[in-house]
Amino acid sequence: MKIIVTMKSKACLSKTHLLESLLSLILGVEQKIGSHLSYIIKPIFDGLNDTNWMIRKISIDIIYALSVLMPKRMIRYKKNILNKLVICKADSS
């Protein structure tokens, strides 16, 4: 997925918009996105550690959407998700 490749680039200045696009794609083609889950989950987790509040928020929105649409596939990421959300819970930004 070119969105993920672009987001991983150090030169990417529009991560917020790319994450919003990814969320739209997930909601639009939910059956097909499941096979790409292992590829897209890392940049989403990285978004939870970003200094930009909006990127963290959209990353949480994506995790929520994926958890609702494909709970069985997301279960393997449960521990990692919970660990990252604990950090975001104390977010003061």
PDB file of N, CA and C in Angstrom:
ATOM      1  N   MET A   1       0.840  -1.173   0.000  1.00  0.00           N
ATOM      2  CA  MET A   1       0.000   0.000   0.000  1.00  0.00           C
ATOM      3  C   MET A   1       0.891   1.244   0.000  1.00  0.00           C
ATOM      4  N   LYS A   2       0.673   2.084  -0.974  1.00  0.00           N
ATOM      5  CA  LYS A   2       1.508   3.282  -1.118  1.00  0.00           C
ATOM      6  C   LYS A   2       1.329   4.262   0.037  1.00  0.00           C
ATOM      7  N   ILE A   3       0.157   4.245   0.663  1.00  0.00           N
ATOM      8  CA  ILE A   3      -0.061   5.148   1.800  1.00  0.00           C
ATOM      9  C   ILE A   3       0.934   4.839   2.908  1.00  0.00           C
ATOM     10  N   ILE A   4       1.125   3.560   3.196  1.00  0.00           N
ATOM     11  CA  ILE A   4       2.034   3.148   4.268  1.00  0.00           C
ATOM     12  C   ILE A   4       3.470   3.500   3.908  1.00  0.00           C
ATOM     13  N   VAL A   5       3.856   3.237   2.676  1.00  0.00           N
ATOM     14  CA  VAL A   5       5.220   3.548   2.230  1.00  0.00           C
ATOM     15  C   VAL A   5       5.479   5.049   2.364  1.00  0.00           C
ATOM     16  N   THR A   6       4.522   5.855   1.972  1.00  0.00           N
ATOM     17  CA  THR A   6       4.667   7.305   2.064  1.00  0.00           C
ATOM     18  C   THR A   6       4.746   7.754   3.519  1.00  0.00           C
ATOM     19  N   MET A   7       3.907   7.159   4.387  1.00  0.00           N
ATOM     20  CA  MET A   7       3.925   7.532   5.803  1.00  0.00           C
ATOM     21  C   MET A   7       5.248   7.199   6.470  1.00  0.00           C
ATOM     22  N   LYS A   8       5.891   6.132   6.043  1.00  0.00           N
ATOM     23  CA  LYS A   8       7.163   5.727   6.640  1.00  0.00           C
ATOM     24  C   LYS A   8       8.311   6.639   6.225  1.00  0.00           C
ATOM     25  N   SER A   9       8.120   7.388   5.167  1.00  0.00           N
ATOM     26  CA  SER A   9       9.160   8.275   4.662  1.00  0.00           C
ATOM     27  C   SER A   9       9.414   9.421   5.640  1.00  0.00           C
ATOM     28  N   LYS A  10      10.678   9.719   5.859  1.00  0.00           N
ATOM     29  CA  LYS A  10      11.062  10.841   6.736  1.00  0.00           C
ATOM     30  C   LYS A  10      10.599  12.174   6.148  1.00  0.00           C
ATOM     31  N   ALA A  11      10.443  12.214   4.835  1.00  0.00           N
ATOM     32  CA  ALA A  11      10.059  13.448   4.165  1.00  0.00           C
ATOM     33  C   ALA A  11       8.550  13.705   4.212  1.00  0.00           C
ATOM     34  N   CYS A  12       7.778  12.764   4.731  1.00  0.00           N
ATOM     35  CA  CYS A  12       6.325  12.887   4.765  1.00  0.00           C
ATOM     36  C   CYS A  12       5.902  13.979   5.746  1.00  0.00           C
ATOM     37  N   LEU A  13       5.183  14.955   5.242  1.00  0.00           N
ATOM     38  CA  LEU A  13       4.712  16.058   6.073  1.00  0.00           C
ATOM     39  C   LEU A  13       3.192  16.041   6.253  1.00  0.00           C
ATOM     40  N   SER A  14       2.547  15.016   5.730  1.00  0.00           N
ATOM     41  CA  SER A  14       1.081  14.986   5.771  1.00  0.00           C
ATOM     42  C   SER A  14       0.561  13.691   6.388  1.00  0.00           C
ATOM     43  N   LYS A  15       1.176  13.249   7.473  1.00  0.00           N
ATOM     44  CA  LYS A  15       0.774  11.999   8.102  1.00  0.00           C
ATOM     45  C   LYS A  15      -0.679  12.023   8.563  1.00  0.00           C
ATOM     46  N   THR A  16      -1.128  13.165   9.023  1.00  0.00           N
ATOM     47  CA  THR A  16      -2.517  13.280   9.471  1.00  0.00           C
ATOM     48  C   THR A  16      -3.470  12.940   8.336  1.00  0.00           C
ATOM     49  N   HIS A  17      -3.240  13.521   7.182  1.00  0.00           N
ATOM     50  CA  HIS A  17      -4.114  13.293   6.034  1.00  0.00           C
ATOM     51  C   HIS A  17      -4.005  11.857   5.523  1.00  0.00           C
ATOM     52  N   LEU A  18      -2.808  11.315   5.564  1.00  0.00           N
ATOM     53  CA  LEU A  18      -2.635   9.936   5.126  1.00  0.00           C
ATOM     54  C   LEU A  18      -3.342   8.963   6.070  1.00  0.00           C
ATOM     55  N   LEU A  19      -3.280   9.226   7.367  1.00  0.00           N
ATOM     56  CA  LEU A  19      -3.993   8.376   8.324  1.00  0.00           C
ATOM     57  C   LEU A  19      -5.508   8.498   8.138  1.00  0.00           C
ATOM     58  N   GLU A  20      -5.985   9.701   7.861  1.00  0.00           N
ATOM     59  CA  GLU A  20      -7.415   9.881   7.586  1.00  0.00           C
ATOM     60  C   GLU A  20      -7.819   9.105   6.337  1.00  0.00           C
ATOM     61  N   SER A  21      -6.980   9.124   5.332  1.00  0.00           N
ATOM     62  CA  SER A  21      -7.247   8.356   4.109  1.00  0.00           C
ATOM     63  C   SER A  21      -7.249   6.862   4.391  1.00  0.00           C
ATOM     64  N   LEU A  22      -6.310   6.420   5.207  1.00  0.00           N
ATOM     65  CA  LEU A  22      -6.249   5.008   5.572  1.00  0.00           C
ATOM     66  C   LEU A  22      -7.514   4.599   6.317  1.00  0.00           C
ATOM     67  N   LEU A  23      -7.978   5.427   7.230  1.00  0.00           N
ATOM     68  CA  LEU A  23      -9.215   5.133   7.957  1.00  0.00           C
ATOM     69  C   LEU A  23     -10.393   5.022   6.994  1.00  0.00           C
ATOM     70  N   SER A  24     -10.475   5.912   6.033  1.00  0.00           N
ATOM     71  CA  SER A  24     -11.540   5.850   5.031  1.00  0.00           C
ATOM     72  C   SER A  24     -11.460   4.570   4.211  1.00  0.00           C
ATOM     73  N   LEU A  25     -10.244   4.188   3.836  1.00  0.00           N
ATOM     74  CA  LEU A  25     -10.069   2.934   3.088  1.00  0.00           C
ATOM     75  C   LEU A  25     -10.505   1.727   3.915  1.00  0.00           C
ATOM     76  N   ILE A  26     -10.122   1.723   5.180  1.00  0.00           N
ATOM     77  CA  ILE A  26     -10.494   0.611   6.060  1.00  0.00           C
ATOM     78  C   ILE A  26     -12.010   0.495   6.144  1.00  0.00           C
ATOM     79  N   LEU A  27     -12.677   1.612   6.309  1.00  0.00           N
ATOM     80  CA  LEU A  27     -14.133   1.596   6.415  1.00  0.00           C
ATOM     81  C   LEU A  27     -14.800   1.263   5.086  1.00  0.00           C
ATOM     82  N   GLY A  28     -14.156   1.620   3.989  1.00  0.00           N
ATOM     83  CA  GLY A  28     -14.727   1.377   2.668  1.00  0.00           C
ATOM     84  C   GLY A  28     -14.539  -0.033   2.137  1.00  0.00           C
ATOM     85  N   VAL A  29     -13.404  -0.634   2.429  1.00  0.00           N
ATOM     86  CA  VAL A  29     -13.100  -1.972   1.889  1.00  0.00           C
ATOM     87  C   VAL A  29     -12.689  -2.920   3.005  1.00  0.00           C
ATOM     88  N   GLU A  30     -13.485  -2.960   4.059  1.00  0.00           N
ATOM     89  CA  GLU A  30     -13.117  -3.692   5.258  1.00  0.00           C
ATOM     90  C   GLU A  30     -12.767  -5.160   5.024  1.00  0.00           C
ATOM     91  N   GLN A  31     -13.430  -5.831   4.092  1.00  0.00           N
ATOM     92  CA  GLN A  31     -13.147  -7.250   3.862  1.00  0.00           C
ATOM     93  C   GLN A  31     -11.752  -7.454   3.272  1.00  0.00           C
ATOM     94  N   LYS A  32     -11.310  -6.549   2.445  1.00  0.00           N
ATOM     95  CA  LYS A  32     -10.031  -6.712   1.758  1.00  0.00           C
ATOM     96  C   LYS A  32      -8.842  -6.217   2.581  1.00  0.00           C
ATOM     97  N   ILE A  33      -9.099  -5.362   3.546  1.00  0.00           N
ATOM     98  CA  ILE A  33      -7.991  -4.780   4.313  1.00  0.00           C
ATOM     99  C   ILE A  33      -7.403  -5.788   5.284  1.00  0.00           C
ATOM    100  N   GLY A  34      -8.168  -6.788   5.666  1.00  0.00           N
ATOM    101  CA  GLY A  34      -7.720  -7.778   6.640  1.00  0.00           C
ATOM    102  C   GLY A  34      -6.437  -8.484   6.251  1.00  0.00           C
ATOM    103  N   SER A  35      -6.255  -8.741   4.987  1.00  0.00           N
ATOM    104  CA  SER A  35      -5.047  -9.427   4.535  1.00  0.00           C
ATOM    105  C   SER A  35      -3.808  -8.532   4.607  1.00  0.00           C
ATOM    106  N   HIS A  36      -4.004  -7.246   4.780  1.00  0.00           N
ATOM    107  CA  HIS A  36      -2.898  -6.288   4.879  1.00  0.00           C
ATOM    108  C   HIS A  36      -2.681  -5.803   6.314  1.00  0.00           C
ATOM    109  N   LEU A  37      -3.397  -6.378   7.254  1.00  0.00           N
ATOM    110  CA  LEU A  37      -3.379  -5.887   8.624  1.00  0.00           C
ATOM    111  C   LEU A  37      -1.978  -5.862   9.228  1.00  0.00           C
ATOM    112  N   SER A  38      -1.225  -6.921   9.055  1.00  0.00           N
ATOM    113  CA  SER A  38       0.117  -6.961   9.654  1.00  0.00           C
ATOM    114  C   SER A  38       1.030  -5.883   9.059  1.00  0.00           C
ATOM    115  N   TYR A  39       0.751  -5.469   7.858  1.00  0.00           N
ATOM    116  CA  TYR A  39       1.547  -4.440   7.184  1.00  0.00           C
ATOM    117  C   TYR A  39       1.179  -3.034   7.661  1.00  0.00           C
ATOM    118  N   ILE A  40      -0.105  -2.809   7.947  1.00  0.00           N
ATOM    119  CA  ILE A  40      -0.537  -1.457   8.300  1.00  0.00           C
ATOM    120  C   ILE A  40      -0.527  -1.187   9.803  1.00  0.00           C
ATOM    121  N   ILE A  41      -0.448  -2.219  10.625  1.00  0.00           N
ATOM    122  CA  ILE A  41      -0.566  -2.007  12.066  1.00  0.00           C
ATOM    123  C   ILE A  41       0.645  -1.277  12.660  1.00  0.00           C
ATOM    124  N   LYS A  42       1.844  -1.525  12.157  1.00  0.00           N
ATOM    125  CA  LYS A  42       3.053  -0.878  12.700  1.00  0.00           C
ATOM    126  C   LYS A  42       3.001   0.642  12.568  1.00  0.00           C
ATOM    127  N   PRO A  43       2.692   1.191  11.389  1.00  0.00           N
ATOM    128  CA  PRO A  43       2.605   2.655  11.293  1.00  0.00           C
ATOM    129  C   PRO A  43       1.491   3.239  12.170  1.00  0.00           C
ATOM    130  N   ILE A  44       0.444   2.460  12.392  1.00  0.00           N
ATOM    131  CA  ILE A  44      -0.626   2.929  13.268  1.00  0.00           C
ATOM    132  C   ILE A  44      -0.123   2.986  14.707  1.00  0.00           C
ATOM    133  N   PHE A  45       0.597   1.948  15.130  1.00  0.00           N
ATOM    134  CA  PHE A  45       1.194   1.956  16.464  1.00  0.00           C
ATOM    135  C   PHE A  45       2.209   3.094  16.591  1.00  0.00           C
ATOM    136  N   ASP A  46       2.980   3.329  15.546  1.00  0.00           N
ATOM    137  CA  ASP A  46       3.929   4.443  15.561  1.00  0.00           C
ATOM    138  C   ASP A  46       3.197   5.777  15.748  1.00  0.00           C
ATOM    139  N   GLY A  47       2.006   5.877  15.159  1.00  0.00           N
ATOM    140  CA  GLY A  47       1.208   7.089  15.294  1.00  0.00           C
ATOM    141  C   GLY A  47       0.796   7.369  16.735  1.00  0.00           C
ATOM    142  N   LEU A  48       0.664   6.306  17.537  1.00  0.00           N
ATOM    143  CA  LEU A  48       0.304   6.479  18.943  1.00  0.00           C
ATOM    144  C   LEU A  48       1.427   7.129  19.749  1.00  0.00           C
ATOM    145  N   ASN A  49       2.645   7.060  19.237  1.00  0.00           N
ATOM    146  CA  ASN A  49       3.799   7.656  19.912  1.00  0.00           C
ATOM    147  C   ASN A  49       4.195   9.011  19.323  1.00  0.00           C
ATOM    148  N   ASP A  50       3.464   9.464  18.322  1.00  0.00           N
ATOM    149  CA  ASP A  50       3.810  10.714  17.642  1.00  0.00           C
ATOM    150  C   ASP A  50       3.590  11.912  18.567  1.00  0.00           C
ATOM    151  N   THR A  51       4.340  12.967  18.358  1.00  0.00           N
ATOM    152  CA  THR A  51       4.185  14.169  19.174  1.00  0.00           C
ATOM    153  C   THR A  51       2.952  14.977  18.777  1.00  0.00           C
ATOM    154  N   ASN A  52       2.454  14.760  17.586  1.00  0.00           N
ATOM    155  CA  ASN A  52       1.270  15.468  17.091  1.00  0.00           C
ATOM    156  C   ASN A  52       0.009  14.815  17.656  1.00  0.00           C
ATOM    157  N   TRP A  53      -0.782  15.576  18.397  1.00  0.00           N
ATOM    158  CA  TRP A  53      -1.983  15.062  19.030  1.00  0.00           C
ATOM    159  C   TRP A  53      -2.970  14.489  18.017  1.00  0.00           C
ATOM    160  N   MET A  54      -3.128  15.148  16.883  1.00  0.00           N
ATOM    161  CA  MET A  54      -4.096  14.698  15.876  1.00  0.00           C
ATOM    162  C   MET A  54      -3.699  13.332  15.296  1.00  0.00           C
ATOM    163  N   ILE A  55      -2.422  13.103  15.118  1.00  0.00           N
ATOM    164  CA  ILE A  55      -1.960  11.806  14.618  1.00  0.00           C
ATOM    165  C   ILE A  55      -2.267  10.717  15.642  1.00  0.00           C
ATOM    166  N   ARG A  56      -2.053  11.012  16.919  1.00  0.00           N
ATOM    167  CA  ARG A  56      -2.390  10.035  17.963  1.00  0.00           C
ATOM    168  C   ARG A  56      -3.886   9.740  17.964  1.00  0.00           C
ATOM    169  N   LYS A  57      -4.713  10.780  17.810  1.00  0.00           N
ATOM    170  CA  LYS A  57      -6.161  10.608  17.819  1.00  0.00           C
ATOM    171  C   LYS A  57      -6.626   9.749  16.641  1.00  0.00           C
ATOM    172  N   ILE A  58      -6.141  10.036  15.459  1.00  0.00           N
ATOM    173  CA  ILE A  58      -6.554   9.271  14.282  1.00  0.00           C
ATOM    174  C   ILE A  58      -6.063   7.831  14.392  1.00  0.00           C
ATOM    175  N   SER A  59      -4.886   7.627  14.951  1.00  0.00           N
ATOM    176  CA  SER A  59      -4.379   6.265  15.152  1.00  0.00           C
ATOM    177  C   SER A  59      -5.311   5.480  16.076  1.00  0.00           C
ATOM    178  N   ILE A  60      -5.792   6.127  17.118  1.00  0.00           N
ATOM    179  CA  ILE A  60      -6.747   5.475  18.018  1.00  0.00           C
ATOM    180  C   ILE A  60      -8.055   5.196  17.286  1.00  0.00           C
ATOM    181  N   ASP A  61      -8.510   6.122  16.461  1.00  0.00           N
ATOM    182  CA  ASP A  61      -9.727   5.909  15.670  1.00  0.00           C
ATOM    183  C   ASP A  61      -9.575   4.701  14.743  1.00  0.00           C
ATOM    184  N   ILE A  62      -8.405   4.560  14.141  1.00  0.00           N
ATOM    185  CA  ILE A  62      -8.155   3.431  13.247  1.00  0.00           C
ATOM    186  C   ILE A  62      -8.162   2.120  14.032  1.00  0.00           C
ATOM    187  N   ILE A  63      -7.507   2.116  15.181  1.00  0.00           N
ATOM    188  CA  ILE A  63      -7.495   0.907  16.010  1.00  0.00           C
ATOM    189  C   ILE A  63      -8.917   0.528  16.412  1.00  0.00           C
ATOM    190  N   TYR A  64      -9.708   1.523  16.769  1.00  0.00           N
ATOM    191  CA  TYR A  64     -11.108   1.258  17.127  1.00  0.00           C
ATOM    192  C   TYR A  64     -11.864   0.647  15.945  1.00  0.00           C
ATOM    193  N   ALA A  65     -11.728   1.258  14.772  1.00  0.00           N
ATOM    194  CA  ALA A  65     -12.433   0.761  13.583  1.00  0.00           C
ATOM    195  C   ALA A  65     -12.015  -0.676  13.261  1.00  0.00           C
ATOM    196  N   LEU A  66     -10.714  -0.937  13.310  1.00  0.00           N
ATOM    197  CA  LEU A  66     -10.230  -2.292  13.030  1.00  0.00           C
ATOM    198  C   LEU A  66     -10.746  -3.284  14.070  1.00  0.00           C
ATOM    199  N   SER A  67     -10.802  -2.868  15.319  1.00  0.00           N
ATOM    200  CA  SER A  67     -11.269  -3.751  16.391  1.00  0.00           C
ATOM    201  C   SER A  67     -12.745  -4.081  16.240  1.00  0.00           C
ATOM    202  N   VAL A  68     -13.524  -3.137  15.744  1.00  0.00           N
ATOM    203  CA  VAL A  68     -14.946  -3.373  15.524  1.00  0.00           C
ATOM    204  C   VAL A  68     -15.161  -4.239  14.283  1.00  0.00           C
ATOM    205  N   LEU A  69     -14.425  -3.946  13.214  1.00  0.00           N
ATOM    206  CA  LEU A  69     -14.622  -4.635  11.940  1.00  0.00           C
ATOM    207  C   LEU A  69     -14.029  -6.043  11.905  1.00  0.00           C
ATOM    208  N   MET A  70     -12.919  -6.242  12.588  1.00  0.00           N
ATOM    209  CA  MET A  70     -12.243  -7.543  12.551  1.00  0.00           C
ATOM    210  C   MET A  70     -11.647  -7.896  13.911  1.00  0.00           C
ATOM    211  N   PRO A  71     -12.502  -8.117  14.908  1.00  0.00           N
ATOM    212  CA  PRO A  71     -12.002  -8.363  16.258  1.00  0.00           C
ATOM    213  C   PRO A  71     -11.107  -9.600  16.367  1.00  0.00           C
ATOM    214  N   LYS A  72     -11.404 -10.636  15.612  1.00  0.00           N
ATOM    215  CA  LYS A  72     -10.593 -11.860  15.699  1.00  0.00           C
ATOM    216  C   LYS A  72      -9.177 -11.638  15.198  1.00  0.00           C
ATOM    217  N   ARG A  73      -9.023 -10.809  14.191  1.00  0.00           N
ATOM    218  CA  ARG A  73      -7.679 -10.523  13.667  1.00  0.00           C
ATOM    219  C   ARG A  73      -6.909  -9.567  14.570  1.00  0.00           C
ATOM    220  N   MET A  74      -7.634  -8.712  15.265  1.00  0.00           N
ATOM    221  CA  MET A  74      -6.981  -7.720  16.120  1.00  0.00           C
ATOM    222  C   MET A  74      -6.583  -8.281  17.483  1.00  0.00           C
ATOM    223  N   ILE A  75      -7.132  -9.417  17.861  1.00  0.00           N
ATOM    224  CA  ILE A  75      -6.882  -9.970  19.197  1.00  0.00           C
ATOM    225  C   ILE A  75      -5.386 -10.198  19.443  1.00  0.00           C
ATOM    226  N   ARG A  76      -4.644 -10.546  18.409  1.00  0.00           N
ATOM    227  CA  ARG A  76      -3.204 -10.792  18.603  1.00  0.00           C
ATOM    228  C   ARG A  76      -2.427  -9.522  18.939  1.00  0.00           C
ATOM    229  N   TYR A  77      -3.026  -8.369  18.685  1.00  0.00           N
ATOM    230  CA  TYR A  77      -2.374  -7.092  18.980  1.00  0.00           C
ATOM    231  C   TYR A  77      -2.882  -6.481  20.280  1.00  0.00           C
ATOM    232  N   LYS A  78      -3.742  -7.200  20.988  1.00  0.00           N
ATOM    233  CA  LYS A  78      -4.412  -6.671  22.179  1.00  0.00           C
ATOM    234  C   LYS A  78      -3.434  -6.121  23.218  1.00  0.00           C
ATOM    235  N   LYS A  79      -2.435  -6.901  23.576  1.00  0.00           N
ATOM    236  CA  LYS A  79      -1.491  -6.483  24.615  1.00  0.00           C
ATOM    237  C   LYS A  79      -0.744  -5.212  24.197  1.00  0.00           C
ATOM    238  N   ASN A  80      -0.291  -5.186  22.957  1.00  0.00           N
ATOM    239  CA  ASN A  80       0.434  -4.020  22.443  1.00  0.00           C
ATOM    240  C   ASN A  80      -0.472  -2.788  22.411  1.00  0.00           C
ATOM    241  N   ILE A  81      -1.719  -2.975  21.985  1.00  0.00           N
ATOM    242  CA  ILE A  81      -2.678  -1.870  21.940  1.00  0.00           C
ATOM    243  C   ILE A  81      -2.901  -1.309  23.345  1.00  0.00           C
ATOM    244  N   LEU A  82      -3.150  -2.198  24.292  1.00  0.00           N
ATOM    245  CA  LEU A  82      -3.410  -1.749  25.658  1.00  0.00           C
ATOM    246  C   LEU A  82      -2.209  -1.018  26.252  1.00  0.00           C
ATOM    247  N   ASN A  83      -1.011  -1.521  26.005  1.00  0.00           N
ATOM    248  CA  ASN A  83       0.201  -0.847  26.500  1.00  0.00           C
ATOM    249  C   ASN A  83       0.332   0.556  25.920  1.00  0.00           C
ATOM    250  N   LYS A  84       0.068   0.689  24.645  1.00  0.00           N
ATOM    251  CA  LYS A  84       0.185   1.997  23.992  1.00  0.00           C
ATOM    252  C   LYS A  84      -0.916   2.948  24.457  1.00  0.00           C
ATOM    253  N   LEU A  85      -2.132   2.416  24.687  1.00  0.00           N
ATOM    254  CA  LEU A  85      -3.231   3.268  25.137  1.00  0.00           C
ATOM    255  C   LEU A  85      -3.033   3.765  26.568  1.00  0.00           C
ATOM    256  N   VAL A  86      -2.380   2.977  27.392  1.00  0.00           N
ATOM    257  CA  VAL A  86      -2.074   3.420  28.757  1.00  0.00           C
ATOM    258  C   VAL A  86      -1.200   4.675  28.696  1.00  0.00           C
ATOM    259  N   ILE A  87      -0.251   4.682  27.793  1.00  0.00           N
ATOM    260  CA  ILE A  87       0.614   5.859  27.627  1.00  0.00           C
ATOM    261  C   ILE A  87      -0.207   7.059  27.152  1.00  0.00           C
ATOM    262  N   CYS A  88      -1.120   6.824  26.196  1.00  0.00           N
ATOM    263  CA  CYS A  88      -1.958   7.917  25.667  1.00  0.00           C
ATOM    264  C   CYS A  88      -2.951   8.424  26.711  1.00  0.00           C
ATOM    265  N   LYS A  89      -3.338   7.555  27.642  1.00  0.00           N
ATOM    266  CA  LYS A  89      -4.296   7.939  28.683  1.00  0.00           C
ATOM    267  C   LYS A  89      -3.776   9.109  29.505  1.00  0.00           C
ATOM    268  N   ALA A  90      -2.492   9.132  29.729  1.00  0.00           N
ATOM    269  CA  ALA A  90      -1.866  10.190  30.521  1.00  0.00           C
ATOM    270  C   ALA A  90      -1.458  11.378  29.651  1.00  0.00           C
ATOM    271  N   ASP A  91      -1.921  11.419  28.427  1.00  0.00           N
ATOM    272  CA  ASP A  91      -1.565  12.470  27.486  1.00  0.00           C
ATOM    273  C   ASP A  91      -2.071  13.818  27.981  1.00  0.00           C
ATOM    274  N   SER A  92      -1.175  14.757  28.073  1.00  0.00           N
ATOM    275  CA  SER A  92      -1.560  16.096  28.536  1.00  0.00           C
ATOM    276  C   SER A  92      -1.496  17.134  27.421  1.00  0.00           C
ATOM    277  N   SER A  93      -1.247  16.671  26.210  1.00  0.00           N
ATOM    278  CA  SER A  93      -1.131  17.612  25.078  1.00  0.00           C
ATOM    279  C   SER A  93      -2.481  18.117  24.637  1.00  0.00           C
TER     280      SER A  93
END
